[in-house]
Amino acid sequence: MQTNNELLQQQARCIAHEIRNQISVCDVYCEIIKKHLEKEGIENDSITRALSCIQKSAKMINNSLIDLKSLDNIKPQICSLKQLAEDSANLAKVYIQEKNINIITNIKKDANIYVDENKFSACILNLIKNAIEAIESKGEIIITSEIKEDEAHLTISNNGKAITPAAQRDLFNEGFTTKKTGSGLGLFICKQNLNLQKADLYLVQSNPKKTEFQIKIPIIK
């Protein structure tokens, strides 16, 4: 006889399967739209970027749903740190809405890293989204990188509302949130997934002038 936990796991897998089916429909229709635009000779960079963002987001969702089926869910490959940062920044722009926020990606020196592309990108995206939410109406988010010996430091900073000293102590704890509708899982999951990829996430500083998070990750030479 199945336990309650086993029944919940089975139900989660079934729901994940159905959601993945719908995600595949979104991906297929994105491809259909692209082909129609090409066939009609229509060139629209905004539509092309939007379709690419939809497909990238769908891929991330699909990857997260796969996690429900297996514990062995880290699929690392060699990736460009610069490309992952720039792609994540482009995806994050959808969260800006009516705010006047400038996202600046300043990756002067690229590096190859061995990571799960979707999980690493999801972490960067989560940090940028948090930064957007911390900015009330106008500000900037700056993404930079630095190579130190065998390690890359990817820094994401913003000039929004500072994190209180009390909140800083519990920031990466499961269930802790400073948002009215937050789940308290975002930063916790980010840190856990990065640790599984031999990387780590830190809060470098948070004050009225700047809040700065940093990802440290080994590089491939």
C-alpha atoms as a PDB file:
ATOM      1  CA  MET A   1       0.000   0.000   0.000  1.00  0.00           C
ATOM      2  CA  GLN A   2       1.348   3.431  -0.965  1.00  0.00           C
ATOM      3  CA  THR A   3       2.152   5.944   1.753  1.00  0.00           C
ATOM      4  CA  ASN A   4       0.856   9.520   1.634  1.00  0.00           C
ATOM      5  CA  ASN A   5       4.322  10.682   0.586  1.00  0.00           C
ATOM      6  CA  GLU A   6       4.435   8.205  -2.302  1.00  0.00           C
ATOM      7  CA  LEU A   7       0.970   9.258  -3.438  1.00  0.00           C
ATOM      8  CA  LEU A   8       1.983  12.916  -3.387  1.00  0.00           C
ATOM      9  CA  GLN A   9       5.122  12.152  -5.395  1.00  0.00           C
ATOM     10  CA  GLN A  10       3.098  10.207  -7.942  1.00  0.00           C
ATOM     11  CA  GLN A  11       0.582  13.033  -8.233  1.00  0.00           C
ATOM     12  CA  ALA A  12       3.384  15.579  -8.627  1.00  0.00           C
ATOM     13  CA  ARG A  13       4.914  13.530 -11.449  1.00  0.00           C
ATOM     14  CA  CYS A  14       1.546  13.281 -13.217  1.00  0.00           C
ATOM     15  CA  ILE A  15       0.931  17.037 -12.933  1.00  0.00           C
ATOM     16  CA  ALA A  16       4.471  17.749 -14.124  1.00  0.00           C
ATOM     17  CA  HIS A  17       3.895  15.505 -17.133  1.00  0.00           C
ATOM     18  CA  GLU A  18       0.726  17.372 -18.126  1.00  0.00           C
ATOM     19  CA  ILE A  19       2.361  20.780 -17.692  1.00  0.00           C
ATOM     20  CA  ARG A  20       5.323  19.700 -19.823  1.00  0.00           C
ATOM     21  CA  ASN A  21       2.887  18.697 -22.571  1.00  0.00           C
ATOM     22  CA  GLN A  22       1.421  22.207 -22.583  1.00  0.00           C
ATOM     23  CA  ILE A  23       4.880  23.765 -22.549  1.00  0.00           C
ATOM     24  CA  SER A  24       5.767  21.778 -25.650  1.00  0.00           C
ATOM     25  CA  VAL A  25       2.682  23.253 -27.357  1.00  0.00           C
ATOM     26  CA  CYS A  26       3.963  26.774 -26.600  1.00  0.00           C
ATOM     27  CA  ASP A  27       7.351  25.876 -28.050  1.00  0.00           C
ATOM     28  CA  VAL A  28       5.826  24.410 -31.206  1.00  0.00           C
ATOM     29  CA  TYR A  29       3.678  27.493 -31.809  1.00  0.00           C
ATOM     30  CA  CYS A  30       6.688  29.761 -31.323  1.00  0.00           C
ATOM     31  CA  GLU A  31       8.411  27.841 -34.107  1.00  0.00           C
ATOM     32  CA  ILE A  32       5.285  28.102 -36.292  1.00  0.00           C
ATOM     33  CA  ILE A  33       5.173  31.883 -35.804  1.00  0.00           C
ATOM     34  CA  LYS A  34       8.865  32.163 -36.688  1.00  0.00           C
ATOM     35  CA  LYS A  35       8.361  30.168 -39.878  1.00  0.00           C
ATOM     36  CA  HIS A  36       5.347  32.286 -40.889  1.00  0.00           C
ATOM     37  CA  LEU A  37       7.336  35.493 -40.342  1.00  0.00           C
ATOM     38  CA  GLU A  38      10.175  34.096 -42.438  1.00  0.00           C
ATOM     39  CA  LYS A  39       7.787  32.917 -45.176  1.00  0.00           C
ATOM     40  CA  GLU A  40       6.088  36.322 -45.349  1.00  0.00           C
ATOM     41  CA  GLY A  41       9.426  38.117 -45.332  1.00  0.00           C
ATOM     42  CA  ILE A  42       8.584  39.976 -42.129  1.00  0.00           C
ATOM     43  CA  GLU A  43      11.560  41.113 -40.053  1.00  0.00           C
ATOM     44  CA  ASN A  44      10.689  42.308 -36.575  1.00  0.00           C
ATOM     45  CA  ASP A  45      13.453  42.141 -33.982  1.00  0.00           C
ATOM     46  CA  SER A  46      11.070  42.741 -31.063  1.00  0.00           C
ATOM     47  CA  ILE A  47       8.865  39.772 -32.024  1.00  0.00           C
ATOM     48  CA  THR A  48      11.888  37.552 -32.661  1.00  0.00           C
ATOM     49  CA  ARG A  49      13.392  38.417 -29.256  1.00  0.00           C
ATOM     50  CA  ALA A  50      10.032  37.883 -27.542  1.00  0.00           C
ATOM     51  CA  LEU A  51       9.619  34.438 -29.116  1.00  0.00           C
ATOM     52  CA  SER A  52      13.164  33.478 -28.110  1.00  0.00           C
ATOM     53  CA  CYS A  53      12.492  34.610 -24.529  1.00  0.00           C
ATOM     54  CA  ILE A  54       9.273  32.566 -24.413  1.00  0.00           C
ATOM     55  CA  GLN A  55      11.113  29.464 -25.622  1.00  0.00           C
ATOM     56  CA  LYS A  56      13.978  30.021 -23.171  1.00  0.00           C
ATOM     57  CA  SER A  57      11.557  30.450 -20.260  1.00  0.00           C
ATOM     58  CA  ALA A  58       9.634  27.352 -21.345  1.00  0.00           C
ATOM     59  CA  LYS A  59      12.889  25.410 -21.365  1.00  0.00           C
ATOM     60  CA  MET A  60      13.640  26.537 -17.805  1.00  0.00           C
ATOM     61  CA  ILE A  61      10.156  25.520 -16.642  1.00  0.00           C
ATOM     62  CA  ASN A  62      10.536  22.157 -18.326  1.00  0.00           C
ATOM     63  CA  ASN A  63      13.876  21.651 -16.618  1.00  0.00           C
ATOM     64  CA  SER A  64      12.364  22.459 -13.210  1.00  0.00           C
ATOM     65  CA  LEU A  65       9.530  19.989 -13.777  1.00  0.00           C
ATOM     66  CA  ILE A  66      12.016  17.245 -14.606  1.00  0.00           C
ATOM     67  CA  ASP A  67      13.383  17.753 -11.081  1.00  0.00           C
ATOM     68  CA  LEU A  68      10.177  16.171  -9.761  1.00  0.00           C
ATOM     69  CA  LYS A  69      11.031  12.917 -11.504  1.00  0.00           C
ATOM     70  CA  SER A  70      14.660  12.444 -10.532  1.00  0.00           C
ATOM     71  CA  LEU A  71      17.184  13.448  -7.884  1.00  0.00           C
ATOM     72  CA  ASP A  72      19.936  13.277 -10.503  1.00  0.00           C
ATOM     73  CA  ASN A  73      18.809  16.472 -12.156  1.00  0.00           C
ATOM     74  CA  ILE A  74      22.017  18.459 -12.706  1.00  0.00           C
ATOM     75  CA  LYS A  75      23.053  18.229 -16.359  1.00  0.00           C
ATOM     76  CA  PRO A  76      26.256  20.268 -16.650  1.00  0.00           C
ATOM     77  CA  GLN A  77      27.896  21.336 -19.866  1.00  0.00           C
ATOM     78  CA  ILE A  78      30.532  23.877 -20.904  1.00  0.00           C
ATOM     79  CA  CYS A  79      28.896  27.306 -21.169  1.00  0.00           C
ATOM     80  CA  SER A  80      29.963  30.881 -21.770  1.00  0.00           C
ATOM     81  CA  LEU A  81      29.541  32.973 -18.617  1.00  0.00           C
ATOM     82  CA  LYS A  82      29.031  36.113 -20.716  1.00  0.00           C
ATOM     83  CA  GLN A  83      26.340  34.491 -22.867  1.00  0.00           C
ATOM     84  CA  LEU A  84      24.420  33.175 -19.848  1.00  0.00           C
ATOM     85  CA  ALA A  85      24.525  36.590 -18.161  1.00  0.00           C
ATOM     86  CA  GLU A  86      23.390  38.461 -21.287  1.00  0.00           C
ATOM     87  CA  ASP A  87      20.602  35.974 -22.070  1.00  0.00           C
ATOM     88  CA  SER A  88      19.312  36.150 -18.482  1.00  0.00           C
ATOM     89  CA  ALA A  89      19.373  39.961 -18.557  1.00  0.00           C
ATOM     90  CA  ASN A  90      17.284  39.949 -21.732  1.00  0.00           C
ATOM     91  CA  LEU A  91      14.770  37.555 -20.184  1.00  0.00           C
ATOM     92  CA  ALA A  92      14.495  39.702 -17.049  1.00  0.00           C
ATOM     93  CA  LYS A  93      13.403  42.795 -18.981  1.00  0.00           C
ATOM     94  CA  VAL A  94       9.844  41.469 -19.063  1.00  0.00           C
ATOM     95  CA  TYR A  95       9.618  42.157 -15.296  1.00  0.00           C
ATOM     96  CA  ILE A  96      10.415  45.868 -15.627  1.00  0.00           C
ATOM     97  CA  GLN A  97       6.940  46.848 -16.890  1.00  0.00           C
ATOM     98  CA  GLU A  98       6.302  50.542 -16.133  1.00  0.00           C
ATOM     99  CA  LYS A  99       9.483  51.140 -14.147  1.00  0.00           C
ATOM    100  CA  ASN A 100      12.368  53.150 -15.559  1.00  0.00           C
ATOM    101  CA  ILE A 101      15.172  50.657 -14.988  1.00  0.00           C
ATOM    102  CA  ASN A 102      18.329  50.246 -17.008  1.00  0.00           C
ATOM    103  CA  ILE A 103      19.947  46.783 -16.960  1.00  0.00           C
ATOM    104  CA  ILE A 104      23.627  47.088 -17.816  1.00  0.00           C
ATOM    105  CA  THR A 105      25.618  43.973 -18.688  1.00  0.00           C
ATOM    106  CA  ASN A 106      29.330  44.728 -18.566  1.00  0.00           C
ATOM    107  CA  ILE A 107      31.163  41.414 -19.012  1.00  0.00           C
ATOM    108  CA  LYS A 108      34.543  42.506 -20.365  1.00  0.00           C
ATOM    109  CA  LYS A 109      36.309  39.160 -20.009  1.00  0.00           C
ATOM    110  CA  ASP A 110      34.447  35.941 -20.794  1.00  0.00           C
ATOM    111  CA  ALA A 111      35.120  32.517 -19.250  1.00  0.00           C
ATOM    112  CA  ASN A 112      33.923  28.972 -19.795  1.00  0.00           C
ATOM    113  CA  ILE A 113      32.123  27.387 -16.866  1.00  0.00           C
ATOM    114  CA  TYR A 114      30.806  23.848 -16.355  1.00  0.00           C
ATOM    115  CA  VAL A 115      27.195  24.269 -15.243  1.00  0.00           C
ATOM    116  CA  ASP A 116      23.616  23.237 -15.848  1.00  0.00           C
ATOM    117  CA  GLU A 117      22.662  25.976 -18.324  1.00  0.00           C
ATOM    118  CA  ASN A 118      19.016  26.249 -17.264  1.00  0.00           C
ATOM    119  CA  LYS A 119      19.602  26.142 -13.516  1.00  0.00           C
ATOM    120  CA  PHE A 120      22.475  28.620 -13.640  1.00  0.00           C
ATOM    121  CA  SER A 121      20.485  30.995 -15.869  1.00  0.00           C
ATOM    122  CA  ALA A 122      17.455  30.664 -13.580  1.00  0.00           C
ATOM    123  CA  CYS A 123      19.599  31.789 -10.649  1.00  0.00           C
ATOM    124  CA  ILE A 124      20.854  34.896 -12.481  1.00  0.00           C
ATOM    125  CA  LEU A 125      17.292  35.639 -13.596  1.00  0.00           C
ATOM    126  CA  ASN A 126      16.013  35.348 -10.014  1.00  0.00           C
ATOM    127  CA  LEU A 127      18.663  37.778  -8.756  1.00  0.00           C
ATOM    128  CA  ILE A 128      17.840  40.325 -11.476  1.00  0.00           C
ATOM    129  CA  LYS A 129      14.101  39.969 -10.797  1.00  0.00           C
ATOM    130  CA  ASN A 130      14.699  40.597  -7.089  1.00  0.00           C
ATOM    131  CA  ALA A 131      16.741  43.666  -7.996  1.00  0.00           C
ATOM    132  CA  ILE A 132      13.920  44.984 -10.186  1.00  0.00           C
ATOM    133  CA  GLU A 133      11.449  44.521  -7.333  1.00  0.00           C
ATOM    134  CA  ALA A 134      13.796  46.372  -4.955  1.00  0.00           C
ATOM    135  CA  ILE A 135      13.764  49.454  -7.210  1.00  0.00           C
ATOM    136  CA  GLU A 136      10.635  51.507  -6.602  1.00  0.00           C
ATOM    137  CA  SER A 137      10.388  53.353  -9.923  1.00  0.00           C
ATOM    138  CA  LYS A 138      13.766  54.369 -11.343  1.00  0.00           C
ATOM    139  CA  GLY A 139      17.243  52.901 -11.091  1.00  0.00           C
ATOM    140  CA  GLU A 140      19.824  50.629 -12.602  1.00  0.00           C
ATOM    141  CA  ILE A 141      21.026  47.061 -12.344  1.00  0.00           C
ATOM    142  CA  ILE A 142      24.640  46.351 -13.231  1.00  0.00           C
ATOM    143  CA  ILE A 143      26.003  42.886 -14.067  1.00  0.00           C
ATOM    144  CA  THR A 144      29.782  42.544 -14.094  1.00  0.00           C
ATOM    145  CA  SER A 145      32.347  39.768 -13.917  1.00  0.00           C
ATOM    146  CA  GLU A 146      35.901  39.350 -12.729  1.00  0.00           C
ATOM    147  CA  ILE A 147      38.300  36.463 -13.265  1.00  0.00           C
ATOM    148  CA  LYS A 148      40.477  35.630 -10.271  1.00  0.00           C
ATOM    149  CA  GLU A 149      42.900  32.764 -10.940  1.00  0.00           C
ATOM    150  CA  ASP A 150      40.672  29.678 -11.392  1.00  0.00           C
ATOM    151  CA  GLU A 151      37.423  31.349 -10.399  1.00  0.00           C
ATOM    152  CA  ALA A 152      34.888  33.713 -11.957  1.00  0.00           C
ATOM    153  CA  HIS A 153      33.004  36.243  -9.858  1.00  0.00           C
ATOM    154  CA  LEU A 154      29.681  37.327 -11.374  1.00  0.00           C
ATOM    155  CA  THR A 155      28.283  40.358  -9.563  1.00  0.00           C
ATOM    156  CA  ILE A 156      24.724  41.687  -9.791  1.00  0.00           C
ATOM    157  CA  SER A 157      24.149  45.038  -8.123  1.00  0.00           C
ATOM    158  CA  ASN A 158      21.267  47.499  -7.906  1.00  0.00           C
ATOM    159  CA  ASN A 159      20.544  50.874  -6.301  1.00  0.00           C
ATOM    160  CA  GLY A 160      17.130  49.959  -4.945  1.00  0.00           C
ATOM    161  CA  LYS A 161      15.879  49.574  -1.392  1.00  0.00           C
ATOM    162  CA  ALA A 162      18.467  48.114   0.962  1.00  0.00           C
ATOM    163  CA  ILE A 163      18.041  44.788   2.768  1.00  0.00           C
ATOM    164  CA  THR A 164      17.886  45.326   6.524  1.00  0.00           C
ATOM    165  CA  PRO A 165      20.709  43.885   8.669  1.00  0.00           C
ATOM    166  CA  ALA A 166      18.195  41.569  10.367  1.00  0.00           C
ATOM    167  CA  ALA A 167      16.965  40.231   7.017  1.00  0.00           C
ATOM    168  CA  GLN A 168      20.514  39.762   5.750  1.00  0.00           C
ATOM    169  CA  ARG A 169      21.174  37.139   8.415  1.00  0.00           C
ATOM    170  CA  ASP A 170      18.296  34.917   7.241  1.00  0.00           C
ATOM    171  CA  LEU A 171      18.318  35.767   3.547  1.00  0.00           C
ATOM    172  CA  PHE A 172      19.219  32.294   2.266  1.00  0.00           C
ATOM    173  CA  ASN A 173      17.127  30.334   4.756  1.00  0.00           C
ATOM    174  CA  GLU A 174      14.270  28.260   3.394  1.00  0.00           C
ATOM    175  CA  GLY A 175      10.931  30.001   3.830  1.00  0.00           C
ATOM    176  CA  PHE A 176      12.362  33.408   4.752  1.00  0.00           C
ATOM    177  CA  THR A 177      10.997  36.345   2.756  1.00  0.00           C
ATOM    178  CA  THR A 178      10.655  40.109   3.032  1.00  0.00           C
ATOM    179  CA  LYS A 179       7.926  40.236   0.356  1.00  0.00           C
ATOM    180  CA  LYS A 180       4.209  40.317   1.126  1.00  0.00           C
ATOM    181  CA  THR A 181       3.504  37.564  -1.409  1.00  0.00           C
ATOM    182  CA  GLY A 182       6.899  35.838  -1.394  1.00  0.00           C
ATOM    183  CA  SER A 183       7.434  32.116  -0.834  1.00  0.00           C
ATOM    184  CA  GLY A 184      10.885  32.405   0.689  1.00  0.00           C
ATOM    185  CA  LEU A 185      12.225  29.809  -1.747  1.00  0.00           C
ATOM    186  CA  GLY A 186      13.922  31.844  -4.481  1.00  0.00           C
ATOM    187  CA  LEU A 187      17.317  32.566  -2.922  1.00  0.00           C
ATOM    188  CA  PHE A 188      17.272  29.283  -0.995  1.00  0.00           C
ATOM    189  CA  ILE A 189      16.845  27.284  -4.217  1.00  0.00           C
ATOM    190  CA  CYS A 190      19.416  29.431  -6.034  1.00  0.00           C
ATOM    191  CA  LYS A 191      22.041  28.762  -3.396  1.00  0.00           C
ATOM    192  CA  GLN A 192      21.252  25.033  -3.267  1.00  0.00           C
ATOM    193  CA  ASN A 193      21.430  24.636  -7.060  1.00  0.00           C
ATOM    194  CA  LEU A 194      24.664  26.606  -7.285  1.00  0.00           C
ATOM    195  CA  ASN A 195      26.235  24.506  -4.519  1.00  0.00           C
ATOM    196  CA  LEU A 196      25.418  21.387  -6.549  1.00  0.00           C
ATOM    197  CA  GLN A 197      27.389  22.955  -9.406  1.00  0.00           C
ATOM    198  CA  LYS A 198      30.433  23.711  -7.208  1.00  0.00           C
ATOM    199  CA  ALA A 199      29.475  27.379  -7.121  1.00  0.00           C
ATOM    200  CA  ASP A 200      28.234  29.625  -4.340  1.00  0.00           C
ATOM    201  CA  LEU A 201      26.071  32.698  -3.861  1.00  0.00           C
ATOM    202  CA  TYR A 202      26.824  35.535  -1.453  1.00  0.00           C
ATOM    203  CA  LEU A 203      25.368  38.840  -0.411  1.00  0.00           C
ATOM    204  CA  VAL A 204      28.406  41.124  -0.638  1.00  0.00           C
ATOM    205  CA  GLN A 205      26.735  44.266   0.715  1.00  0.00           C
ATOM    206  CA  SER A 206      23.422  46.052   1.042  1.00  0.00           C
ATOM    207  CA  ASN A 207      23.128  49.694   1.988  1.00  0.00           C
ATOM    208  CA  PRO A 208      21.091  52.730   0.841  1.00  0.00           C
ATOM    209  CA  LYS A 209      23.461  53.212  -2.117  1.00  0.00           C
ATOM    210  CA  LYS A 210      23.984  49.663  -3.356  1.00  0.00           C
ATOM    211  CA  THR A 211      22.884  46.052  -2.914  1.00  0.00           C
ATOM    212  CA  GLU A 212      25.310  43.545  -4.374  1.00  0.00           C
ATOM    213  CA  PHE A 213      25.086  39.780  -4.826  1.00  0.00           C
ATOM    214  CA  GLN A 214      27.924  37.671  -6.149  1.00  0.00           C
ATOM    215  CA  ILE A 215      28.201  34.201  -7.665  1.00  0.00           C
ATOM    216  CA  LYS A 216      31.578  32.477  -7.412  1.00  0.00           C
ATOM    217  CA  ILE A 217      32.135  29.654  -9.892  1.00  0.00           C
ATOM    218  CA  PRO A 218      35.204  27.661 -11.012  1.00  0.00           C
ATOM    219  CA  ILE A 219      36.279  28.307 -14.605  1.00  0.00           C
ATOM    220  CA  ILE A 220      37.556  25.939 -17.281  1.00  0.00           C
ATOM    221  CA  LYS A 221      40.908  26.916 -18.769  1.00  0.00           C
END
